[in-house]
Amino acid sequence: MDAKKLALFEARAKIIKALAHPTRLYIVDELAKGERCVCELREGVGADISTVSKHLLVLKNAGLVEDDKRGLQVFYRLRCPCILSFFGCIEDVLRENACHHRALVGK
């Protein structure tokens, strides 16, 4: 594998790793509905602001979200809503796996 391809695969892995946590998947799902402040996300996650902010930083460093500070509040939004297509693909895989497992047990 050449250096250019390796760099591309590493960049893809960074994004996938950023998504590899249920809380971050929840945050992305919430941001798909529109911009949210950290306090709104904290309520949904059920964790303290510090923990939610750390998850948001991981998503931001991967280029998945961007922020906008307004006074004392910070609002987040998806940078590339096309990430939701990836979620649709994951759900297709889950459905296919379920069908396959049902077929194996004859149901």
C-alpha atoms as a PDB file:
ATOM      1  CA  MET A   1       0.000   0.000   0.000  1.00  0.00           C
ATOM      2  CA  ASP A   2       1.415   3.379  -0.933  1.00  0.00           C
ATOM      3  CA  ALA A   3       1.661   6.351   1.455  1.00  0.00           C
ATOM      4  CA  LYS A   4      -1.283   8.187  -0.089  1.00  0.00           C
ATOM      5  CA  LYS A   5      -3.646   5.230   0.345  1.00  0.00           C
ATOM      6  CA  LEU A   6      -2.379   4.646   3.870  1.00  0.00           C
ATOM      7  CA  ALA A   7      -3.067   8.292   4.763  1.00  0.00           C
ATOM      8  CA  LEU A   8      -6.602   7.984   3.373  1.00  0.00           C
ATOM      9  CA  PHE A   9      -7.297   4.820   5.381  1.00  0.00           C
ATOM     10  CA  GLU A  10      -5.887   6.429   8.520  1.00  0.00           C
ATOM     11  CA  ALA A  11      -8.122   9.482   8.004  1.00  0.00           C
ATOM     12  CA  ARG A  12     -11.151   7.207   7.573  1.00  0.00           C
ATOM     13  CA  ALA A  13     -10.217   5.288  10.709  1.00  0.00           C
ATOM     14  CA  LYS A  14     -10.028   8.535  12.701  1.00  0.00           C
ATOM     15  CA  ILE A  15     -13.605   9.368  11.774  1.00  0.00           C
ATOM     16  CA  ILE A  16     -14.863   5.856  12.462  1.00  0.00           C
ATOM     17  CA  LYS A  17     -13.071   5.793  15.832  1.00  0.00           C
ATOM     18  CA  ALA A  18     -14.694   9.108  16.754  1.00  0.00           C
ATOM     19  CA  LEU A  19     -18.096   7.530  16.130  1.00  0.00           C
ATOM     20  CA  ALA A  20     -17.264   4.338  18.040  1.00  0.00           C
ATOM     21  CA  HIS A  21     -19.019   5.277  21.273  1.00  0.00           C
ATOM     22  CA  PRO A  22     -22.762   5.124  22.034  1.00  0.00           C
ATOM     23  CA  THR A  23     -22.792   8.631  23.538  1.00  0.00           C
ATOM     24  CA  ARG A  24     -21.170  10.134  20.468  1.00  0.00           C
ATOM     25  CA  LEU A  25     -23.598   8.269  18.206  1.00  0.00           C
ATOM     26  CA  TYR A  26     -26.437   9.726  20.278  1.00  0.00           C
ATOM     27  CA  ILE A  27     -24.962  13.226  19.945  1.00  0.00           C
ATOM     28  CA  VAL A  28     -24.659  12.916  16.169  1.00  0.00           C
ATOM     29  CA  ASP A  29     -28.233  11.630  16.006  1.00  0.00           C
ATOM     30  CA  GLU A  30     -29.434  14.615  18.043  1.00  0.00           C
ATOM     31  CA  LEU A  31     -27.474  17.064  15.893  1.00  0.00           C
ATOM     32  CA  ALA A  32     -29.116  15.547  12.816  1.00  0.00           C
ATOM     33  CA  LYS A  33     -32.309  17.197  14.100  1.00  0.00           C
ATOM     34  CA  GLY A  34     -30.595  20.593  14.254  1.00  0.00           C
ATOM     35  CA  GLU A  35     -28.188  22.679  16.230  1.00  0.00           C
ATOM     36  CA  ARG A  36     -27.994  21.991  19.980  1.00  0.00           C
ATOM     37  CA  CYS A  37     -26.288  23.670  22.913  1.00  0.00           C
ATOM     38  CA  VAL A  38     -24.116  21.628  25.238  1.00  0.00           C
ATOM     39  CA  CYS A  39     -26.717  21.945  28.005  1.00  0.00           C
ATOM     40  CA  GLU A  40     -29.404  20.328  25.802  1.00  0.00           C
ATOM     41  CA  LEU A  41     -27.071  17.478  24.880  1.00  0.00           C
ATOM     42  CA  ARG A  42     -26.109  17.033  28.542  1.00  0.00           C
ATOM     43  CA  GLU A  43     -29.735  16.489  29.468  1.00  0.00           C
ATOM     44  CA  GLY A  44     -30.196  13.834  26.797  1.00  0.00           C
ATOM     45  CA  VAL A  45     -26.940  12.042  27.565  1.00  0.00           C
ATOM     46  CA  GLY A  46     -27.489  12.200  31.313  1.00  0.00           C
ATOM     47  CA  ALA A  47     -23.872  13.097  32.057  1.00  0.00           C
ATOM     48  CA  ASP A  48     -22.123  16.193  33.328  1.00  0.00           C
ATOM     49  CA  ILE A  49     -21.155  19.014  30.984  1.00  0.00           C
ATOM     50  CA  SER A  50     -17.472  18.091  31.205  1.00  0.00           C
ATOM     51  CA  THR A  51     -18.111  14.561  29.928  1.00  0.00           C
ATOM     52  CA  VAL A  52     -20.362  15.767  27.114  1.00  0.00           C
ATOM     53  CA  SER A  53     -17.805  18.412  26.162  1.00  0.00           C
ATOM     54  CA  LYS A  54     -15.088  15.740  25.907  1.00  0.00           C
ATOM     55  CA  HIS A  55     -17.268  13.686  23.568  1.00  0.00           C
ATOM     56  CA  LEU A  56     -17.975  16.787  21.489  1.00  0.00           C
ATOM     57  CA  LEU A  57     -14.250  17.533  21.283  1.00  0.00           C
ATOM     58  CA  VAL A  58     -13.593  14.054  19.868  1.00  0.00           C
ATOM     59  CA  LEU A  59     -16.295  14.637  17.236  1.00  0.00           C
ATOM     60  CA  LYS A  60     -14.944  18.109  16.480  1.00  0.00           C
ATOM     61  CA  ASN A  61     -11.342  16.884  16.124  1.00  0.00           C
ATOM     62  CA  ALA A  62     -12.568  14.285  13.639  1.00  0.00           C
ATOM     63  CA  GLY A  63     -14.265  17.034  11.621  1.00  0.00           C
ATOM     64  CA  LEU A  64     -17.788  15.768  12.261  1.00  0.00           C
ATOM     65  CA  VAL A  65     -19.169  18.758  14.164  1.00  0.00           C
ATOM     66  CA  GLU A  66     -18.488  22.453  14.432  1.00  0.00           C
ATOM     67  CA  ASP A  67     -19.270  24.831  17.240  1.00  0.00           C
ATOM     68  CA  ASP A  68     -20.422  28.398  17.689  1.00  0.00           C
ATOM     69  CA  LYS A  69     -19.976  30.197  21.001  1.00  0.00           C
ATOM     70  CA  ARG A  70     -22.764  32.621  21.867  1.00  0.00           C
ATOM     71  CA  GLY A  71     -22.262  34.330  25.176  1.00  0.00           C
ATOM     72  CA  LEU A  72     -21.802  31.627  27.779  1.00  0.00           C
ATOM     73  CA  GLN A  73     -23.331  28.871  25.649  1.00  0.00           C
ATOM     74  CA  VAL A  74     -21.703  26.781  22.941  1.00  0.00           C
ATOM     75  CA  PHE A  75     -23.874  25.414  20.142  1.00  0.00           C
ATOM     76  CA  TYR A  76     -22.920  22.458  17.960  1.00  0.00           C
ATOM     77  CA  ARG A  77     -24.055  21.339  14.528  1.00  0.00           C
ATOM     78  CA  LEU A  78     -23.045  18.657  12.050  1.00  0.00           C
ATOM     79  CA  ARG A  79     -20.413  19.762   9.554  1.00  0.00           C
ATOM     80  CA  CYS A  80     -21.366  17.086   7.024  1.00  0.00           C
ATOM     81  CA  PRO A  81     -24.904  15.737   7.417  1.00  0.00           C
ATOM     82  CA  CYS A  82     -24.008  13.033   4.881  1.00  0.00           C
ATOM     83  CA  ILE A  83     -22.636  11.068   7.861  1.00  0.00           C
ATOM     84  CA  LEU A  84     -26.258  10.068   8.409  1.00  0.00           C
ATOM     85  CA  SER A  85     -26.049   7.976   5.216  1.00  0.00           C
ATOM     86  CA  PHE A  86     -23.328   5.990   6.955  1.00  0.00           C
ATOM     87  CA  PHE A  87     -25.746   5.359   9.828  1.00  0.00           C
ATOM     88  CA  GLY A  88     -28.323   4.127   7.310  1.00  0.00           C
ATOM     89  CA  CYS A  89     -25.748   1.710   5.938  1.00  0.00           C
ATOM     90  CA  ILE A  90     -24.953   0.424   9.439  1.00  0.00           C
ATOM     91  CA  GLU A  91     -28.646  -0.168  10.052  1.00  0.00           C
ATOM     92  CA  ASP A  92     -28.877  -2.085   6.754  1.00  0.00           C
ATOM     93  CA  VAL A  93     -26.043  -4.327   7.957  1.00  0.00           C
ATOM     94  CA  LEU A  94     -27.863  -4.855  11.284  1.00  0.00           C
ATOM     95  CA  ARG A  95     -31.042  -5.871   9.415  1.00  0.00           C
ATOM     96  CA  GLU A  96     -29.126  -8.234   7.129  1.00  0.00           C
ATOM     97  CA  ASN A  97     -27.385  -9.795  10.127  1.00  0.00           C
ATOM     98  CA  ALA A  98     -30.724 -10.275  11.872  1.00  0.00           C
ATOM     99  CA  CYS A  99     -32.191 -11.951   8.776  1.00  0.00           C
ATOM    100  CA  HIS A 100     -29.154 -14.193   8.492  1.00  0.00           C
ATOM    101  CA  HIS A 101     -29.348 -15.235  12.145  1.00  0.00           C
ATOM    102  CA  ARG A 102     -33.109 -15.901  11.882  1.00  0.00           C
ATOM    103  CA  ALA A 103     -32.450 -18.087   8.857  1.00  0.00           C
ATOM    104  CA  LEU A 104     -29.818 -20.040  10.775  1.00  0.00           C
ATOM    105  CA  VAL A 105     -32.248 -20.914  13.545  1.00  0.00           C
ATOM    106  CA  GLY A 106     -35.103 -21.556  11.134  1.00  0.00           C
ATOM    107  CA  LYS A 107     -37.424 -18.746  12.159  1.00  0.00           C
END
